[in-house]
């Protein structure tokens, strides 16, 4: 059975200044998620499920129908603010959905195979999908067996500004033990990577990080048994935070919660590939250049989906 790929594409792109999921960045007008889909299909994934906003549906329908045609099976599910488990309701004034953990939950009726889940606007590389597909196709997986593709921190930085990353720890068996979100990660002029953390006196200070620190880029692998756990954890989150205007429940937190409860394990699948993406509008030129070079080197055909 071929694994499914879920692509989270419901973000509004406020820092980018537009719907970056559909920005034509490749030499033939490809989007970043086109490369993820191509690499995933080449690695053995089958069906693609897009998580979008209802307001994006018409444009996604038009673009995907014209570009992908009948190359593979795909469908859309929507992540909306009000689409949360009963009895919870959004508070007045809230505009955004509830984060990537909520995005995963919205796909529960569309996925019945082992599956990967990624961001739409990140370039992960073929190797990431290869190692993820190999894991998801294993015959010896038991309930609660999940995975994360882990990147070297240095291979995930943006040239245009600070980023946030989930810095990961794993045990001697290669299983994830903890993910801590670090903010304002950037490389200084002396080459040292730092992030900003609160000190005991309440001020913000820099903390050194290593080039080789393992980080999560929201490239995960799950079995369908994760859905009941996700619903339970999303409800638990809403019980505490449903009244808040901006709180979100994210996949690294969800996986942490599952690990800490003993209800699952997460195998770290290392890749030495370079991530890149369009976190900032200023990243666009660099991404366009990188994609052009990959085509020139023969790593991708022209166009991806003829």
C-alpha atoms as a PDB file:
ATOM      1  CA  UNK A   1       0.000   0.000   0.000  1.00  0.00           C
ATOM      2  CA  UNK A   2       1.395   3.378  -1.000  1.00  0.00           C
ATOM      3  CA  UNK A   3       1.633   6.023   1.723  1.00  0.00           C
ATOM      4  CA  UNK A   4      -0.305   9.280   1.416  1.00  0.00           C
ATOM      5  CA  UNK A   5       1.254  12.743   1.526  1.00  0.00           C
ATOM      6  CA  UNK A   6      -0.592  15.515   3.380  1.00  0.00           C
ATOM      7  CA  UNK A   7       0.428  19.051   2.406  1.00  0.00           C
ATOM      8  CA  UNK A   8      -0.486  21.833   4.821  1.00  0.00           C
ATOM      9  CA  UNK A   9      -1.326  24.828   2.640  1.00  0.00           C
ATOM     10  CA  UNK A  10      -3.789  26.825   4.748  1.00  0.00           C
ATOM     11  CA  UNK A  11      -1.386  29.585   5.808  1.00  0.00           C
ATOM     12  CA  UNK A  12      -2.103  33.172   4.827  1.00  0.00           C
ATOM     13  CA  UNK A  13       1.517  34.215   4.153  1.00  0.00           C
ATOM     14  CA  UNK A  14       1.357  37.458   6.137  1.00  0.00           C
ATOM     15  CA  UNK A  15       5.150  37.968   6.248  1.00  0.00           C
ATOM     16  CA  UNK A  16       5.491  36.999   2.602  1.00  0.00           C
ATOM     17  CA  UNK A  17       2.824  39.363   1.352  1.00  0.00           C
ATOM     18  CA  UNK A  18       0.711  36.909  -0.640  1.00  0.00           C
ATOM     19  CA  UNK A  19      -0.381  33.311  -1.171  1.00  0.00           C
ATOM     20  CA  UNK A  20       3.140  31.875  -1.358  1.00  0.00           C
ATOM     21  CA  UNK A  21       1.833  28.302  -1.694  1.00  0.00           C
ATOM     22  CA  UNK A  22       0.949  29.086  -5.327  1.00  0.00           C
ATOM     23  CA  UNK A  23       3.799  31.465  -6.150  1.00  0.00           C
ATOM     24  CA  UNK A  24       5.447  30.397  -9.414  1.00  0.00           C
ATOM     25  CA  UNK A  25       9.107  30.057  -8.446  1.00  0.00           C
ATOM     26  CA  UNK A  26      10.487  27.348 -10.727  1.00  0.00           C
ATOM     27  CA  UNK A  27      11.811  27.985 -14.269  1.00  0.00           C
ATOM     28  CA  UNK A  28       8.579  26.612 -15.757  1.00  0.00           C
ATOM     29  CA  UNK A  29       6.254  28.265 -13.269  1.00  0.00           C
ATOM     30  CA  UNK A  30       6.491  25.516 -10.633  1.00  0.00           C
ATOM     31  CA  UNK A  31       5.511  26.141  -7.026  1.00  0.00           C
ATOM     32  CA  UNK A  32       7.616  24.792  -4.164  1.00  0.00           C
ATOM     33  CA  UNK A  33       4.963  22.212  -3.360  1.00  0.00           C
ATOM     34  CA  UNK A  34       5.210  20.946  -6.960  1.00  0.00           C
ATOM     35  CA  UNK A  35       8.735  19.783  -6.140  1.00  0.00           C
ATOM     36  CA  UNK A  36       7.561  18.114  -2.931  1.00  0.00           C
ATOM     37  CA  UNK A  37       4.839  16.299  -4.854  1.00  0.00           C
ATOM     38  CA  UNK A  38       7.238  15.252  -7.616  1.00  0.00           C
ATOM     39  CA  UNK A  39       9.831  14.005  -5.109  1.00  0.00           C
ATOM     40  CA  UNK A  40       7.168  12.213  -3.065  1.00  0.00           C
ATOM     41  CA  UNK A  41       5.748  10.417  -6.110  1.00  0.00           C
ATOM     42  CA  UNK A  42       9.246   9.408  -7.196  1.00  0.00           C
ATOM     43  CA  UNK A  43       9.824   8.035  -3.690  1.00  0.00           C
ATOM     44  CA  UNK A  44       6.687   5.877  -3.682  1.00  0.00           C
ATOM     45  CA  UNK A  45       3.922   8.033  -2.254  1.00  0.00           C
ATOM     46  CA  UNK A  46       0.519   7.799  -3.909  1.00  0.00           C
ATOM     47  CA  UNK A  47      -2.413  10.046  -3.014  1.00  0.00           C
ATOM     48  CA  UNK A  48      -1.901  13.726  -2.123  1.00  0.00           C
ATOM     49  CA  UNK A  49      -4.197  15.519   0.353  1.00  0.00           C
ATOM     50  CA  UNK A  50      -4.063  19.323   0.449  1.00  0.00           C
ATOM     51  CA  UNK A  51      -5.148  21.131   3.615  1.00  0.00           C
ATOM     52  CA  UNK A  52      -6.385  24.549   2.492  1.00  0.00           C
ATOM     53  CA  UNK A  53      -8.734  27.363   3.496  1.00  0.00           C
ATOM     54  CA  UNK A  54     -12.141  27.445   1.851  1.00  0.00           C
ATOM     55  CA  UNK A  55     -11.277  30.867   0.438  1.00  0.00           C
ATOM     56  CA  UNK A  56      -8.365  29.248  -1.471  1.00  0.00           C
ATOM     57  CA  UNK A  57     -10.391  26.392  -2.950  1.00  0.00           C
ATOM     58  CA  UNK A  58     -11.300  27.960  -6.288  1.00  0.00           C
ATOM     59  CA  UNK A  59      -7.707  28.969  -7.027  1.00  0.00           C
ATOM     60  CA  UNK A  60      -6.282  25.630  -5.869  1.00  0.00           C
ATOM     61  CA  UNK A  61      -8.850  23.763  -7.971  1.00  0.00           C
ATOM     62  CA  UNK A  62      -7.886  25.731 -11.036  1.00  0.00           C
ATOM     63  CA  UNK A  63      -4.126  25.429 -10.570  1.00  0.00           C
ATOM     64  CA  UNK A  64      -4.067  21.769  -9.534  1.00  0.00           C
ATOM     65  CA  UNK A  65      -6.480  20.584 -12.230  1.00  0.00           C
ATOM     66  CA  UNK A  66      -4.487  22.296 -14.980  1.00  0.00           C
ATOM     67  CA  UNK A  67      -1.067  21.266 -13.670  1.00  0.00           C
ATOM     68  CA  UNK A  68      -1.554  17.743 -12.317  1.00  0.00           C
ATOM     69  CA  UNK A  69      -4.459  16.493 -14.417  1.00  0.00           C
ATOM     70  CA  UNK A  70      -4.639  12.721 -13.941  1.00  0.00           C
ATOM     71  CA  UNK A  71      -0.993  12.181 -12.974  1.00  0.00           C
ATOM     72  CA  UNK A  72      -2.052  11.157  -9.449  1.00  0.00           C
ATOM     73  CA  UNK A  73      -5.019  11.156  -7.075  1.00  0.00           C
ATOM     74  CA  UNK A  74      -5.463  14.305  -5.010  1.00  0.00           C
ATOM     75  CA  UNK A  75      -8.143  15.920  -2.900  1.00  0.00           C
ATOM     76  CA  UNK A  76      -8.714  18.972  -0.731  1.00  0.00           C
ATOM     77  CA  UNK A  77      -9.778  19.275   2.894  1.00  0.00           C
ATOM     78  CA  UNK A  78     -10.387  22.618   4.547  1.00  0.00           C
ATOM     79  CA  UNK A  79      -9.011  23.918   7.821  1.00  0.00           C
ATOM     80  CA  UNK A  80     -11.398  26.512   9.140  1.00  0.00           C
ATOM     81  CA  UNK A  81     -11.531  28.371  12.424  1.00  0.00           C
ATOM     82  CA  UNK A  82     -14.860  26.877  13.432  1.00  0.00           C
ATOM     83  CA  UNK A  83     -13.960  23.295  12.397  1.00  0.00           C
ATOM     84  CA  UNK A  84     -13.066  22.061  15.898  1.00  0.00           C
ATOM     85  CA  UNK A  85     -14.428  19.300  18.150  1.00  0.00           C
ATOM     86  CA  UNK A  86     -17.585  19.987  20.154  1.00  0.00           C
ATOM     87  CA  UNK A  87     -18.399  21.642  22.466  1.00  0.00           C
ATOM     88  CA  UNK A  88     -15.722  24.235  21.752  1.00  0.00           C
ATOM     89  CA  UNK A  89     -16.282  27.361  19.696  1.00  0.00           C
ATOM     90  CA  UNK A  90     -13.902  30.108  18.540  1.00  0.00           C
ATOM     91  CA  UNK A  91     -13.752  33.227  20.710  1.00  0.00           C
ATOM     92  CA  UNK A  92     -14.923  36.581  19.324  1.00  0.00           C
ATOM     93  CA  UNK A  93     -12.239  38.268  17.256  1.00  0.00           C
ATOM     94  CA  UNK A  94     -10.188  35.172  16.473  1.00  0.00           C
ATOM     95  CA  UNK A  95      -9.239  34.970  12.783  1.00  0.00           C
ATOM     96  CA  UNK A  96      -6.649  32.168  12.383  1.00  0.00           C
ATOM     97  CA  UNK A  97      -7.224  28.399  12.667  1.00  0.00           C
ATOM     98  CA  UNK A  98      -5.649  26.449  15.499  1.00  0.00           C
ATOM     99  CA  UNK A  99      -2.236  25.382  14.180  1.00  0.00           C
ATOM    100  CA  UNK A 100      -0.639  22.391  12.491  1.00  0.00           C
ATOM    101  CA  UNK A 101      -1.971  19.865  15.020  1.00  0.00           C
ATOM    102  CA  UNK A 102      -5.462  21.064  14.069  1.00  0.00           C
ATOM    103  CA  UNK A 103      -4.488  20.832  10.372  1.00  0.00           C
ATOM    104  CA  UNK A 104      -3.608  17.155  10.804  1.00  0.00           C
ATOM    105  CA  UNK A 105      -6.934  16.452  12.532  1.00  0.00           C
ATOM    106  CA  UNK A 106      -8.894  17.884   9.582  1.00  0.00           C
ATOM    107  CA  UNK A 107      -7.543  15.083   7.334  1.00  0.00           C
ATOM    108  CA  UNK A 108      -8.842  12.195   9.451  1.00  0.00           C
ATOM    109  CA  UNK A 109     -11.646  11.266   7.020  1.00  0.00           C
ATOM    110  CA  UNK A 110      -9.374  11.438   3.952  1.00  0.00           C
ATOM    111  CA  UNK A 111      -6.399   9.322   5.064  1.00  0.00           C
ATOM    112  CA  UNK A 112      -6.478   5.593   5.848  1.00  0.00           C
ATOM    113  CA  UNK A 113      -2.875   4.644   5.038  1.00  0.00           C
ATOM    114  CA  UNK A 114       0.483   5.473   6.616  1.00  0.00           C
ATOM    115  CA  UNK A 115       1.150   9.097   5.692  1.00  0.00           C
ATOM    116  CA  UNK A 116       3.638  11.915   5.653  1.00  0.00           C
ATOM    117  CA  UNK A 117       2.751  15.505   6.427  1.00  0.00           C
ATOM    118  CA  UNK A 118       4.688  18.604   5.327  1.00  0.00           C
ATOM    119  CA  UNK A 119       4.420  22.366   4.836  1.00  0.00           C
ATOM    120  CA  UNK A 120       3.468  23.574   1.361  1.00  0.00           C
ATOM    121  CA  UNK A 121       6.092  26.312   1.205  1.00  0.00           C
ATOM    122  CA  UNK A 122       9.201  24.341   2.213  1.00  0.00           C
ATOM    123  CA  UNK A 123      11.645  22.634  -0.152  1.00  0.00           C
ATOM    124  CA  UNK A 124      12.619  19.396   1.590  1.00  0.00           C
ATOM    125  CA  UNK A 125      14.688  17.567  -1.100  1.00  0.00           C
ATOM    126  CA  UNK A 126      14.232  14.103  -2.609  1.00  0.00           C
ATOM    127  CA  UNK A 127      16.174  12.400   0.179  1.00  0.00           C
ATOM    128  CA  UNK A 128      13.669  13.531   2.805  1.00  0.00           C
ATOM    129  CA  UNK A 129      10.814  11.804   0.967  1.00  0.00           C
ATOM    130  CA  UNK A 130      12.923   8.736   0.234  1.00  0.00           C
ATOM    131  CA  UNK A 131      13.762   8.087   3.890  1.00  0.00           C
ATOM    132  CA  UNK A 132      10.201   8.911   4.959  1.00  0.00           C
ATOM    133  CA  UNK A 133       8.654   6.561   2.381  1.00  0.00           C
ATOM    134  CA  UNK A 134      11.041   3.766   3.375  1.00  0.00           C
ATOM    135  CA  UNK A 135       9.898   4.129   6.970  1.00  0.00           C
ATOM    136  CA  UNK A 136       6.174   4.266   6.171  1.00  0.00           C
ATOM    137  CA  UNK A 137       6.383   1.163   3.938  1.00  0.00           C
ATOM    138  CA  UNK A 138       7.983  -1.001   6.626  1.00  0.00           C
ATOM    139  CA  UNK A 139       6.036  -4.159   7.458  1.00  0.00           C
ATOM    140  CA  UNK A 140       7.210  -4.303  11.065  1.00  0.00           C
ATOM    141  CA  UNK A 141       5.672  -1.040  12.272  1.00  0.00           C
ATOM    142  CA  UNK A 142       3.482  -1.383  15.326  1.00  0.00           C
ATOM    143  CA  UNK A 143       0.786   0.990  16.558  1.00  0.00           C
ATOM    144  CA  UNK A 144       2.242   4.275  17.715  1.00  0.00           C
ATOM    145  CA  UNK A 145       5.297   4.083  15.418  1.00  0.00           C
ATOM    146  CA  UNK A 146       5.901   7.547  13.982  1.00  0.00           C
ATOM    147  CA  UNK A 147       8.846   9.371  12.418  1.00  0.00           C
ATOM    148  CA  UNK A 148      10.375  12.784  11.855  1.00  0.00           C
ATOM    149  CA  UNK A 149      12.871  13.826   9.185  1.00  0.00           C
ATOM    150  CA  UNK A 150      15.603  15.727  11.034  1.00  0.00           C
ATOM    151  CA  UNK A 151      17.828  18.391   9.449  1.00  0.00           C
ATOM    152  CA  UNK A 152      21.128  19.931  10.495  1.00  0.00           C
ATOM    153  CA  UNK A 153      20.300  23.384  11.824  1.00  0.00           C
ATOM    154  CA  UNK A 154      22.894  25.059   9.604  1.00  0.00           C
ATOM    155  CA  UNK A 155      21.125  23.600   6.555  1.00  0.00           C
ATOM    156  CA  UNK A 156      17.832  25.320   7.397  1.00  0.00           C
ATOM    157  CA  UNK A 157      18.689  28.986   7.970  1.00  0.00           C
ATOM    158  CA  UNK A 158      17.269  31.828   5.898  1.00  0.00           C
ATOM    159  CA  UNK A 159      19.621  34.434   4.395  1.00  0.00           C
ATOM    160  CA  UNK A 160      16.909  37.064   4.850  1.00  0.00           C
ATOM    161  CA  UNK A 161      16.327  37.067   8.585  1.00  0.00           C
ATOM    162  CA  UNK A 162      15.811  35.140  11.838  1.00  0.00           C
ATOM    163  CA  UNK A 163      13.771  31.924  11.895  1.00  0.00           C
ATOM    164  CA  UNK A 164      12.079  29.700  14.465  1.00  0.00           C
ATOM    165  CA  UNK A 165      13.010  26.027  14.646  1.00  0.00           C
ATOM    166  CA  UNK A 166      12.120  23.049  16.780  1.00  0.00           C
ATOM    167  CA  UNK A 167      15.465  21.914  18.230  1.00  0.00           C
ATOM    168  CA  UNK A 168      15.367  18.174  18.861  1.00  0.00           C
ATOM    169  CA  UNK A 169      16.951  15.657  21.199  1.00  0.00           C
ATOM    170  CA  UNK A 170      17.059  11.906  20.606  1.00  0.00           C
ATOM    171  CA  UNK A 171      18.201   8.829  22.531  1.00  0.00           C
ATOM    172  CA  UNK A 172      20.764   6.146  21.699  1.00  0.00           C
ATOM    173  CA  UNK A 173      18.138   4.260  19.675  1.00  0.00           C
ATOM    174  CA  UNK A 174      17.490   7.215  17.387  1.00  0.00           C
ATOM    175  CA  UNK A 175      14.109   7.971  18.953  1.00  0.00           C
ATOM    176  CA  UNK A 176      12.988  11.542  19.493  1.00  0.00           C
ATOM    177  CA  UNK A 177      12.875  12.495  23.170  1.00  0.00           C
ATOM    178  CA  UNK A 178      12.123  16.229  23.084  1.00  0.00           C
ATOM    179  CA  UNK A 179      11.440  19.181  20.790  1.00  0.00           C
ATOM    180  CA  UNK A 180      11.995  22.722  22.078  1.00  0.00           C
ATOM    181  CA  UNK A 181      10.912  25.661  19.955  1.00  0.00           C
ATOM    182  CA  UNK A 182      13.686  28.246  19.629  1.00  0.00           C
ATOM    183  CA  UNK A 183      13.093  31.720  18.258  1.00  0.00           C
ATOM    184  CA  UNK A 184      15.056  34.355  16.335  1.00  0.00           C
ATOM    185  CA  UNK A 185      17.677  31.861  15.180  1.00  0.00           C
ATOM    186  CA  UNK A 186      20.322  33.489  12.982  1.00  0.00           C
ATOM    187  CA  UNK A 187      24.001  33.272  12.141  1.00  0.00           C
ATOM    188  CA  UNK A 188      26.195  36.095  13.437  1.00  0.00           C
ATOM    189  CA  UNK A 189      29.057  37.685  11.540  1.00  0.00           C
ATOM    190  CA  UNK A 190      31.528  35.450  13.395  1.00  0.00           C
ATOM    191  CA  UNK A 191      29.679  32.363  12.142  1.00  0.00           C
ATOM    192  CA  UNK A 192      28.108  31.460  15.488  1.00  0.00           C
ATOM    193  CA  UNK A 193      24.443  30.458  15.347  1.00  0.00           C
ATOM    194  CA  UNK A 194      22.388  31.969  18.166  1.00  0.00           C
ATOM    195  CA  UNK A 195      18.786  32.185  19.277  1.00  0.00           C
ATOM    196  CA  UNK A 196      17.031  34.586  21.634  1.00  0.00           C
ATOM    197  CA  UNK A 197      15.769  33.303  25.004  1.00  0.00           C
ATOM    198  CA  UNK A 198      14.421  34.980  28.153  1.00  0.00           C
ATOM    199  CA  UNK A 199      16.872  35.329  31.054  1.00  0.00           C
ATOM    200  CA  UNK A 200      16.029  35.100  34.764  1.00  0.00           C
ATOM    201  CA  UNK A 201      15.870  38.903  35.003  1.00  0.00           C
ATOM    202  CA  UNK A 202      13.214  38.997  32.329  1.00  0.00           C
ATOM    203  CA  UNK A 203      15.500  40.386  29.628  1.00  0.00           C
ATOM    204  CA  UNK A 204      16.112  38.640  26.300  1.00  0.00           C
ATOM    205  CA  UNK A 205      19.596  37.229  25.758  1.00  0.00           C
ATOM    206  CA  UNK A 206      21.380  35.233  23.075  1.00  0.00           C
ATOM    207  CA  UNK A 207      22.020  31.519  23.490  1.00  0.00           C
ATOM    208  CA  UNK A 208      24.528  29.660  21.326  1.00  0.00           C
ATOM    209  CA  UNK A 209      23.402  26.807  19.127  1.00  0.00           C
ATOM    210  CA  UNK A 210      25.470  24.308  17.144  1.00  0.00           C
ATOM    211  CA  UNK A 211      25.605  23.947  13.361  1.00  0.00           C
ATOM    212  CA  UNK A 212      24.872  20.249  13.895  1.00  0.00           C
ATOM    213  CA  UNK A 213      21.873  20.692  16.169  1.00  0.00           C
ATOM    214  CA  UNK A 214      19.030  18.525  14.941  1.00  0.00           C
ATOM    215  CA  UNK A 215      15.892  20.406  13.994  1.00  0.00           C
ATOM    216  CA  UNK A 216      12.378  19.680  12.824  1.00  0.00           C
ATOM    217  CA  UNK A 217      11.070  21.253   9.627  1.00  0.00           C
ATOM    218  CA  UNK A 218       7.553  19.820   9.960  1.00  0.00           C
ATOM    219  CA  UNK A 219       8.256  16.719   7.899  1.00  0.00           C
ATOM    220  CA  UNK A 220       6.575  13.906   9.848  1.00  0.00           C
ATOM    221  CA  UNK A 221       5.396  10.361   9.261  1.00  0.00           C
ATOM    222  CA  UNK A 222       2.385   8.834  11.021  1.00  0.00           C
ATOM    223  CA  UNK A 223       0.175   5.773  11.032  1.00  0.00           C
ATOM    224  CA  UNK A 224      -3.604   6.361  10.923  1.00  0.00           C
ATOM    225  CA  UNK A 225      -3.822   5.381  14.615  1.00  0.00           C
ATOM    226  CA  UNK A 226      -2.542   8.890  15.376  1.00  0.00           C
ATOM    227  CA  UNK A 227      -5.960  10.414  14.668  1.00  0.00           C
ATOM    228  CA  UNK A 228      -7.783   9.427  17.896  1.00  0.00           C
ATOM    229  CA  UNK A 229      -4.753  10.651  19.865  1.00  0.00           C
ATOM    230  CA  UNK A 230      -4.754  13.909  17.890  1.00  0.00           C
ATOM    231  CA  UNK A 231      -8.439  14.507  18.576  1.00  0.00           C
ATOM    232  CA  UNK A 232      -7.925  13.875  22.288  1.00  0.00           C
ATOM    233  CA  UNK A 233      -4.937  16.238  22.431  1.00  0.00           C
ATOM    234  CA  UNK A 234      -6.642  18.973  20.396  1.00  0.00           C
ATOM    235  CA  UNK A 235      -9.614  18.798  22.771  1.00  0.00           C
ATOM    236  CA  UNK A 236      -7.257  19.024  25.730  1.00  0.00           C
ATOM    237  CA  UNK A 237      -5.607  22.069  24.153  1.00  0.00           C
ATOM    238  CA  UNK A 238      -8.974  23.719  23.474  1.00  0.00           C
ATOM    239  CA  UNK A 239     -10.098  23.084  27.039  1.00  0.00           C
ATOM    240  CA  UNK A 240      -7.241  25.305  28.185  1.00  0.00           C
ATOM    241  CA  UNK A 241      -6.890  27.761  25.295  1.00  0.00           C
ATOM    242  CA  UNK A 242     -10.150  27.964  23.291  1.00  0.00           C
ATOM    243  CA  UNK A 243     -10.862  31.402  24.765  1.00  0.00           C
ATOM    244  CA  UNK A 244      -7.547  32.854  23.529  1.00  0.00           C
ATOM    245  CA  UNK A 245      -7.392  34.897  20.307  1.00  0.00           C
ATOM    246  CA  UNK A 246      -4.134  33.506  18.891  1.00  0.00           C
ATOM    247  CA  UNK A 247      -2.939  30.282  20.626  1.00  0.00           C
ATOM    248  CA  UNK A 248      -2.143  27.360  18.307  1.00  0.00           C
ATOM    249  CA  UNK A 249      -1.456  23.659  18.800  1.00  0.00           C
ATOM    250  CA  UNK A 250       1.514  22.584  16.703  1.00  0.00           C
ATOM    251  CA  UNK A 251       2.762  19.203  15.508  1.00  0.00           C
ATOM    252  CA  UNK A 252       6.035  19.245  17.515  1.00  0.00           C
ATOM    253  CA  UNK A 253       4.017  19.860  20.688  1.00  0.00           C
ATOM    254  CA  UNK A 254       1.594  17.092  19.745  1.00  0.00           C
ATOM    255  CA  UNK A 255       4.410  14.596  19.124  1.00  0.00           C
ATOM    256  CA  UNK A 256       6.034  15.649  22.392  1.00  0.00           C
ATOM    257  CA  UNK A 257       2.743  15.012  24.183  1.00  0.00           C
ATOM    258  CA  UNK A 258       2.401  11.561  22.617  1.00  0.00           C
ATOM    259  CA  UNK A 259       5.988  10.625  23.520  1.00  0.00           C
ATOM    260  CA  UNK A 260       5.671  11.860  27.100  1.00  0.00           C
ATOM    261  CA  UNK A 261       2.429   9.914  27.592  1.00  0.00           C
ATOM    262  CA  UNK A 262       4.051   6.693  26.354  1.00  0.00           C
ATOM    263  CA  UNK A 263       1.456   6.311  23.582  1.00  0.00           C
ATOM    264  CA  UNK A 264       3.955   6.381  20.749  1.00  0.00           C
ATOM    265  CA  UNK A 265       7.543   6.708  19.601  1.00  0.00           C
ATOM    266  CA  UNK A 266       9.082   8.899  16.934  1.00  0.00           C
ATOM    267  CA  UNK A 267      12.036   7.630  14.910  1.00  0.00           C
ATOM    268  CA  UNK A 268      14.433  10.354  13.775  1.00  0.00           C
ATOM    269  CA  UNK A 269      15.263   9.980  10.081  1.00  0.00           C
ATOM    270  CA  UNK A 270      18.359  12.068   9.477  1.00  0.00           C
ATOM    271  CA  UNK A 271      18.974  13.898   6.225  1.00  0.00           C
ATOM    272  CA  UNK A 272      21.991  15.988   5.269  1.00  0.00           C
ATOM    273  CA  UNK A 273      20.007  17.718   2.530  1.00  0.00           C
ATOM    274  CA  UNK A 274      19.518  21.467   2.541  1.00  0.00           C
ATOM    275  CA  UNK A 275      16.100  22.896   3.286  1.00  0.00           C
ATOM    276  CA  UNK A 276      15.091  26.187   1.737  1.00  0.00           C
ATOM    277  CA  UNK A 277      11.903  28.184   1.509  1.00  0.00           C
ATOM    278  CA  UNK A 278      10.227  31.561   1.307  1.00  0.00           C
ATOM    279  CA  UNK A 279       9.894  32.611   4.924  1.00  0.00           C
ATOM    280  CA  UNK A 280      10.408  36.231   3.850  1.00  0.00           C
ATOM    281  CA  UNK A 281       9.643  37.988   0.589  1.00  0.00           C
ATOM    282  CA  UNK A 282      13.397  38.633   0.318  1.00  0.00           C
ATOM    283  CA  UNK A 283      13.974  34.852   0.111  1.00  0.00           C
ATOM    284  CA  UNK A 284      12.247  34.671  -3.254  1.00  0.00           C
ATOM    285  CA  UNK A 285      15.221  35.548  -5.466  1.00  0.00           C
ATOM    286  CA  UNK A 286      17.445  32.978  -3.733  1.00  0.00           C
ATOM    287  CA  UNK A 287      14.801  30.252  -4.080  1.00  0.00           C
ATOM    288  CA  UNK A 288      14.274  31.018  -7.773  1.00  0.00           C
ATOM    289  CA  UNK A 289      18.035  30.758  -8.332  1.00  0.00           C
ATOM    290  CA  UNK A 290      18.331  27.464  -6.458  1.00  0.00           C
ATOM    291  CA  UNK A 291      15.461  25.871  -8.336  1.00  0.00           C
ATOM    292  CA  UNK A 292      16.844  26.987 -11.699  1.00  0.00           C
ATOM    293  CA  UNK A 293      20.191  25.441 -10.805  1.00  0.00           C
ATOM    294  CA  UNK A 294      18.576  22.117  -9.860  1.00  0.00           C
ATOM    295  CA  UNK A 295      16.940  21.954 -13.296  1.00  0.00           C
ATOM    296  CA  UNK A 296      20.195  22.872 -15.018  1.00  0.00           C
ATOM    297  CA  UNK A 297      21.940  20.056 -13.136  1.00  0.00           C
ATOM    298  CA  UNK A 298      19.348  17.600 -14.439  1.00  0.00           C
ATOM    299  CA  UNK A 299      17.790  16.798 -11.072  1.00  0.00           C
ATOM    300  CA  UNK A 300      14.325  17.750 -12.327  1.00  0.00           C
ATOM    301  CA  UNK A 301      12.674  17.554 -15.770  1.00  0.00           C
ATOM    302  CA  UNK A 302      11.252  20.526 -17.674  1.00  0.00           C
ATOM    303  CA  UNK A 303       8.435  20.866 -16.773  1.00  0.00           C
ATOM    304  CA  UNK A 304       7.822  18.708 -13.709  1.00  0.00           C
ATOM    305  CA  UNK A 305       4.329  17.675 -14.834  1.00  0.00           C
ATOM    306  CA  UNK A 306       4.088  17.727 -18.648  1.00  0.00           C
END
